[in-house]
Structure formats: structure tokens, C-alpha cells
């Protein structure tokens, strides 16, 4: 808002943002929803959906929806840390798959923004299907601010 007092400006609300995104866009088509957040982290959920299964006979969710979940969770963790929306693009997102997600289970993606410079934000994350101590994947990434 032009001319608004920054102290009175509303902080970025990830729950409200995800409510909007669920009605439009890629994340909404996948069914990704908000779970919770803290000062520099955010958790989203990807519900199990047979349409997202890679090989029908396996029942295992394909890697693409998990990458999308983690890209969204890590990207939003930056806005949570900043307290505001800022235009950005995923510069690099490395996903290390540790095991297949269990068929029928929702996948939780937690992204944490651990550093922000003038032009780049650094993130890490974890995807699991019920036990954070037994992750499906670990991620690290960088996002570049584009304005």
C-alpha cells in the first residue's frame, strides 16, 4: 500500500494466502493446504490422492507433487520470515528423496527460511508422511528476489 504506515501494515498471513490459493492455481489443483507456521517456518499438507500416484500399481505419490509441496512450503517460509510478500523465483531447489511416501498417507512439507540477503533467501525443508523422524525427503534451496 502506497503511503501506508509500515508499523500498521498487516503482516503476511500464510493461512489466508493458502485459502485463496486453494481456489486457484497449481497448489489448489494438488489440494495443498495450510497446517501451521512459526517465525521462520511453515507447514503445508498434501493429501493422498490417487490422481497423484506415479505408477498405479504402487500407490506411491509421484515426485512432482512432492516437489511442488516443498517449493511452496519453502517459498512461503520466506514471506513468513519477512512478514510480507516479496516477488521471488526459485533459483535452486535440491530434493533428496530418502524413501517413497506410504500409499494412502498425507504428506507434510515443512519449509524453513534460515537466512535472507538483499537479493537471495536460503531455505531448507523436510517432507514426511506422519513421522518427521522418518522423512520422505530433505530439501535445500535458494530463492531470488525479482523486483
C-alpha atoms as a PDB file:
ATOM      1  CA  UNK A   1       0.000   0.000   0.000  1.00  0.00           C
ATOM      2  CA  UNK A   2       1.459   3.280  -1.056  1.00  0.00           C
ATOM      3  CA  UNK A   3       1.763   5.758   1.786  1.00  0.00           C
ATOM      4  CA  UNK A   4       0.715   3.248   4.456  1.00  0.00           C
ATOM      5  CA  UNK A   5       2.414   3.310   7.832  1.00  0.00           C
ATOM      6  CA  UNK A   6       4.687   0.214   7.815  1.00  0.00           C
ATOM      7  CA  UNK A   7       4.070  -0.333  11.537  1.00  0.00           C
ATOM      8  CA  UNK A   8       0.337  -0.591  10.947  1.00  0.00           C
ATOM      9  CA  UNK A   9       0.615  -2.662   7.761  1.00  0.00           C
ATOM     10  CA  UNK A  10      -0.816  -6.147   8.023  1.00  0.00           C
ATOM     11  CA  UNK A  11       1.786  -8.922   8.284  1.00  0.00           C
ATOM     12  CA  UNK A  12       1.779 -11.698   5.714  1.00  0.00           C
ATOM     13  CA  UNK A  13      -0.844 -14.274   6.706  1.00  0.00           C
ATOM     14  CA  UNK A  14       0.036 -17.687   5.209  1.00  0.00           C
ATOM     15  CA  UNK A  15      -3.244 -19.292   6.246  1.00  0.00           C
ATOM     16  CA  UNK A  16      -5.237 -16.603   4.463  1.00  0.00           C
ATOM     17  CA  UNK A  17      -2.953 -16.819   1.430  1.00  0.00           C
ATOM     18  CA  UNK A  18      -3.394 -20.615   1.191  1.00  0.00           C
ATOM     19  CA  UNK A  19      -7.177 -20.214   1.461  1.00  0.00           C
ATOM     20  CA  UNK A  20      -7.006 -18.095  -1.694  1.00  0.00           C
ATOM     21  CA  UNK A  21      -4.504 -20.372  -3.458  1.00  0.00           C
ATOM     22  CA  UNK A  22      -6.685 -23.440  -2.857  1.00  0.00           C
ATOM     23  CA  UNK A  23      -9.319 -21.850  -5.116  1.00  0.00           C
ATOM     24  CA  UNK A  24      -6.877 -21.071  -7.928  1.00  0.00           C
ATOM     25  CA  UNK A  25      -3.522 -22.188  -9.144  1.00  0.00           C
ATOM     26  CA  UNK A  26      -1.311 -25.223  -9.146  1.00  0.00           C
ATOM     27  CA  UNK A  27      -1.258 -25.759  -5.372  1.00  0.00           C
ATOM     28  CA  UNK A  28      -5.029 -25.683  -5.267  1.00  0.00           C
ATOM     29  CA  UNK A  29      -5.256 -28.272  -8.038  1.00  0.00           C
ATOM     30  CA  UNK A  30      -2.981 -30.550  -5.989  1.00  0.00           C
ATOM     31  CA  UNK A  31      -5.038 -29.972  -2.823  1.00  0.00           C
ATOM     32  CA  UNK A  32      -2.161 -28.456  -0.825  1.00  0.00           C
ATOM     33  CA  UNK A  33      -3.382 -26.802   2.367  1.00  0.00           C
ATOM     34  CA  UNK A  34      -2.019 -24.792   5.285  1.00  0.00           C
ATOM     35  CA  UNK A  35      -1.223 -26.533   8.596  1.00  0.00           C
ATOM     36  CA  UNK A  36       0.760 -24.135  10.818  1.00  0.00           C
ATOM     37  CA  UNK A  37       3.702 -21.738  10.949  1.00  0.00           C
ATOM     38  CA  UNK A  38       6.209 -20.015  13.245  1.00  0.00           C
ATOM     39  CA  UNK A  39       8.546 -17.038  12.880  1.00  0.00           C
ATOM     40  CA  UNK A  40      10.606 -18.506  10.031  1.00  0.00           C
ATOM     41  CA  UNK A  41       8.905 -21.792   9.123  1.00  0.00           C
ATOM     42  CA  UNK A  42       5.686 -23.078   7.650  1.00  0.00           C
ATOM     43  CA  UNK A  43       3.993 -26.464   7.273  1.00  0.00           C
ATOM     44  CA  UNK A  44       1.675 -27.464   4.443  1.00  0.00           C
ATOM     45  CA  UNK A  45      -0.157 -30.709   3.740  1.00  0.00           C
ATOM     46  CA  UNK A  46      -0.564 -32.638   0.512  1.00  0.00           C
ATOM     47  CA  UNK A  47      -3.467 -35.080   0.940  1.00  0.00           C
ATOM     48  CA  UNK A  48      -3.205 -38.510  -0.612  1.00  0.00           C
ATOM     49  CA  UNK A  49      -4.973 -38.553  -3.967  1.00  0.00           C
ATOM     50  CA  UNK A  50      -4.877 -41.446  -6.434  1.00  0.00           C
ATOM     51  CA  UNK A  51      -4.578 -38.907  -9.270  1.00  0.00           C
ATOM     52  CA  UNK A  52      -1.114 -38.025  -7.916  1.00  0.00           C
ATOM     53  CA  UNK A  53       0.175 -41.614  -7.949  1.00  0.00           C
ATOM     54  CA  UNK A  54       3.116 -42.201 -10.291  1.00  0.00           C
ATOM     55  CA  UNK A  55       2.694 -45.878 -11.097  1.00  0.00           C
ATOM     56  CA  UNK A  56      -0.849 -47.034 -10.493  1.00  0.00           C
ATOM     57  CA  UNK A  57       0.058 -50.457  -9.103  1.00  0.00           C
ATOM     58  CA  UNK A  58       2.400 -48.963  -6.470  1.00  0.00           C
ATOM     59  CA  UNK A  59       0.007 -46.449  -4.897  1.00  0.00           C
ATOM     60  CA  UNK A  60       3.022 -44.174  -4.304  1.00  0.00           C
ATOM     61  CA  UNK A  61       2.632 -40.430  -4.892  1.00  0.00           C
ATOM     62  CA  UNK A  62       4.829 -39.268  -7.783  1.00  0.00           C
ATOM     63  CA  UNK A  63       7.787 -36.989  -7.114  1.00  0.00           C
ATOM     64  CA  UNK A  64       6.309 -33.951  -8.930  1.00  0.00           C
ATOM     65  CA  UNK A  65       3.578 -33.175  -6.381  1.00  0.00           C
ATOM     66  CA  UNK A  66       6.121 -33.541  -3.548  1.00  0.00           C
ATOM     67  CA  UNK A  67       8.478 -31.097  -5.266  1.00  0.00           C
ATOM     68  CA  UNK A  68       5.545 -28.677  -5.675  1.00  0.00           C
ATOM     69  CA  UNK A  69       4.644 -29.062  -1.992  1.00  0.00           C
ATOM     70  CA  UNK A  70       8.192 -28.346  -0.882  1.00  0.00           C
ATOM     71  CA  UNK A  71       8.665 -25.437  -3.297  1.00  0.00           C
ATOM     72  CA  UNK A  72       5.501 -23.841  -1.896  1.00  0.00           C
ATOM     73  CA  UNK A  73       6.397 -24.541   1.762  1.00  0.00           C
ATOM     74  CA  UNK A  74       9.928 -23.187   1.376  1.00  0.00           C
ATOM     75  CA  UNK A  75       8.811 -20.167  -0.639  1.00  0.00           C
ATOM     76  CA  UNK A  76       6.133 -19.238   1.882  1.00  0.00           C
ATOM     77  CA  UNK A  77       8.591 -19.649   4.766  1.00  0.00           C
ATOM     78  CA  UNK A  78      10.470 -16.673   3.288  1.00  0.00           C
ATOM     79  CA  UNK A  79       7.370 -14.460   3.375  1.00  0.00           C
ATOM     80  CA  UNK A  80       6.641 -15.644   6.914  1.00  0.00           C
ATOM     81  CA  UNK A  81      10.162 -14.675   7.994  1.00  0.00           C
ATOM     82  CA  UNK A  82       9.967 -11.309   6.208  1.00  0.00           C
ATOM     83  CA  UNK A  83       6.433 -10.692   7.442  1.00  0.00           C
ATOM     84  CA  UNK A  84       5.403  -9.617   3.946  1.00  0.00           C
ATOM     85  CA  UNK A  85       5.007 -10.725   0.363  1.00  0.00           C
ATOM     86  CA  UNK A  86       8.024 -10.165  -1.865  1.00  0.00           C
ATOM     87  CA  UNK A  87       8.323 -11.206  -5.519  1.00  0.00           C
ATOM     88  CA  UNK A  88      10.682 -14.151  -5.837  1.00  0.00           C
ATOM     89  CA  UNK A  89      11.644 -17.032  -8.092  1.00  0.00           C
ATOM     90  CA  UNK A  90      13.005 -20.434  -7.175  1.00  0.00           C
ATOM     91  CA  UNK A  91      16.666 -20.291  -8.142  1.00  0.00           C
ATOM     92  CA  UNK A  92      17.585 -23.778  -6.908  1.00  0.00           C
ATOM     93  CA  UNK A  93      15.676 -26.475  -5.039  1.00  0.00           C
ATOM     94  CA  UNK A  94      17.529 -29.686  -4.327  1.00  0.00           C
ATOM     95  CA  UNK A  95      15.295 -32.569  -3.263  1.00  0.00           C
ATOM     96  CA  UNK A  96      16.961 -35.635  -1.738  1.00  0.00           C
ATOM     97  CA  UNK A  97      14.451 -38.484  -1.663  1.00  0.00           C
ATOM     98  CA  UNK A  98      15.100 -40.846   1.229  1.00  0.00           C
ATOM     99  CA  UNK A  99      12.216 -43.259   0.675  1.00  0.00           C
ATOM    100  CA  UNK A 100       8.827 -43.483  -1.061  1.00  0.00           C
ATOM    101  CA  UNK A 101       5.854 -41.954   0.701  1.00  0.00           C
ATOM    102  CA  UNK A 102       3.476 -44.534   2.146  1.00  0.00           C
ATOM    103  CA  UNK A 103       0.398 -45.103  -0.024  1.00  0.00           C
ATOM    104  CA  UNK A 104      -2.741 -43.572   1.445  1.00  0.00           C
ATOM    105  CA  UNK A 105      -0.904 -41.118   3.716  1.00  0.00           C
ATOM    106  CA  UNK A 106      -0.953 -37.320   3.513  1.00  0.00           C
ATOM    107  CA  UNK A 107       2.483 -35.770   3.085  1.00  0.00           C
ATOM    108  CA  UNK A 108       3.508 -32.870   5.334  1.00  0.00           C
ATOM    109  CA  UNK A 109       6.031 -30.381   3.995  1.00  0.00           C
ATOM    110  CA  UNK A 110       7.890 -28.075   6.364  1.00  0.00           C
ATOM    111  CA  UNK A 111       9.966 -25.235   4.950  1.00  0.00           C
ATOM    112  CA  UNK A 112      12.301 -23.042   6.995  1.00  0.00           C
ATOM    113  CA  UNK A 113      13.926 -19.816   5.848  1.00  0.00           C
ATOM    114  CA  UNK A 114      17.254 -19.623   7.674  1.00  0.00           C
ATOM    115  CA  UNK A 115      18.867 -16.598   6.010  1.00  0.00           C
ATOM    116  CA  UNK A 116      17.940 -13.633   3.819  1.00  0.00           C
ATOM    117  CA  UNK A 117      20.303 -11.324   1.960  1.00  0.00           C
ATOM    118  CA  UNK A 118      19.479  -8.302  -0.182  1.00  0.00           C
ATOM    119  CA  UNK A 119      18.720 -10.461  -3.216  1.00  0.00           C
ATOM    120  CA  UNK A 120      18.543 -14.130  -2.129  1.00  0.00           C
ATOM    121  CA  UNK A 121      16.786 -16.179   0.556  1.00  0.00           C
ATOM    122  CA  UNK A 122      18.086 -19.544   1.779  1.00  0.00           C
ATOM    123  CA  UNK A 123      15.732 -22.347   2.796  1.00  0.00           C
ATOM    124  CA  UNK A 124      15.687 -25.944   3.941  1.00  0.00           C
ATOM    125  CA  UNK A 125      12.840 -28.348   4.423  1.00  0.00           C
ATOM    126  CA  UNK A 126      11.573 -31.787   5.178  1.00  0.00           C
ATOM    127  CA  UNK A 127       8.712 -33.868   3.813  1.00  0.00           C
ATOM    128  CA  UNK A 128       7.218 -36.721   5.852  1.00  0.00           C
ATOM    129  CA  UNK A 129       4.105 -38.853   5.892  1.00  0.00           C
ATOM    130  CA  UNK A 130       3.389 -38.909   9.603  1.00  0.00           C
ATOM    131  CA  UNK A 131       6.758 -39.089  11.384  1.00  0.00           C
ATOM    132  CA  UNK A 132       9.269 -36.237  10.992  1.00  0.00           C
ATOM    133  CA  UNK A 133      11.934 -38.618  12.312  1.00  0.00           C
ATOM    134  CA  UNK A 134      11.364 -40.821   9.224  1.00  0.00           C
ATOM    135  CA  UNK A 135      11.359 -38.278   6.364  1.00  0.00           C
ATOM    136  CA  UNK A 136      10.380 -38.917   2.773  1.00  0.00           C
ATOM    137  CA  UNK A 137      12.716 -36.158   1.552  1.00  0.00           C
ATOM    138  CA  UNK A 138      15.048 -33.382   2.628  1.00  0.00           C
ATOM    139  CA  UNK A 139      15.322 -30.184   0.610  1.00  0.00           C
ATOM    140  CA  UNK A 140      17.642 -27.193   0.419  1.00  0.00           C
ATOM    141  CA  UNK A 141      17.156 -24.230  -1.818  1.00  0.00           C
ATOM    142  CA  UNK A 142      17.672 -20.632  -2.771  1.00  0.00           C
ATOM    143  CA  UNK A 143      15.100 -18.123  -3.938  1.00  0.00           C
ATOM    144  CA  UNK A 144      15.998 -14.935  -5.785  1.00  0.00           C
ATOM    145  CA  UNK A 145      14.047 -11.739  -5.218  1.00  0.00           C
ATOM    146  CA  UNK A 146      12.840 -10.407  -8.557  1.00  0.00           C
ATOM    147  CA  UNK A 147      11.769  -6.812  -8.041  1.00  0.00           C
END
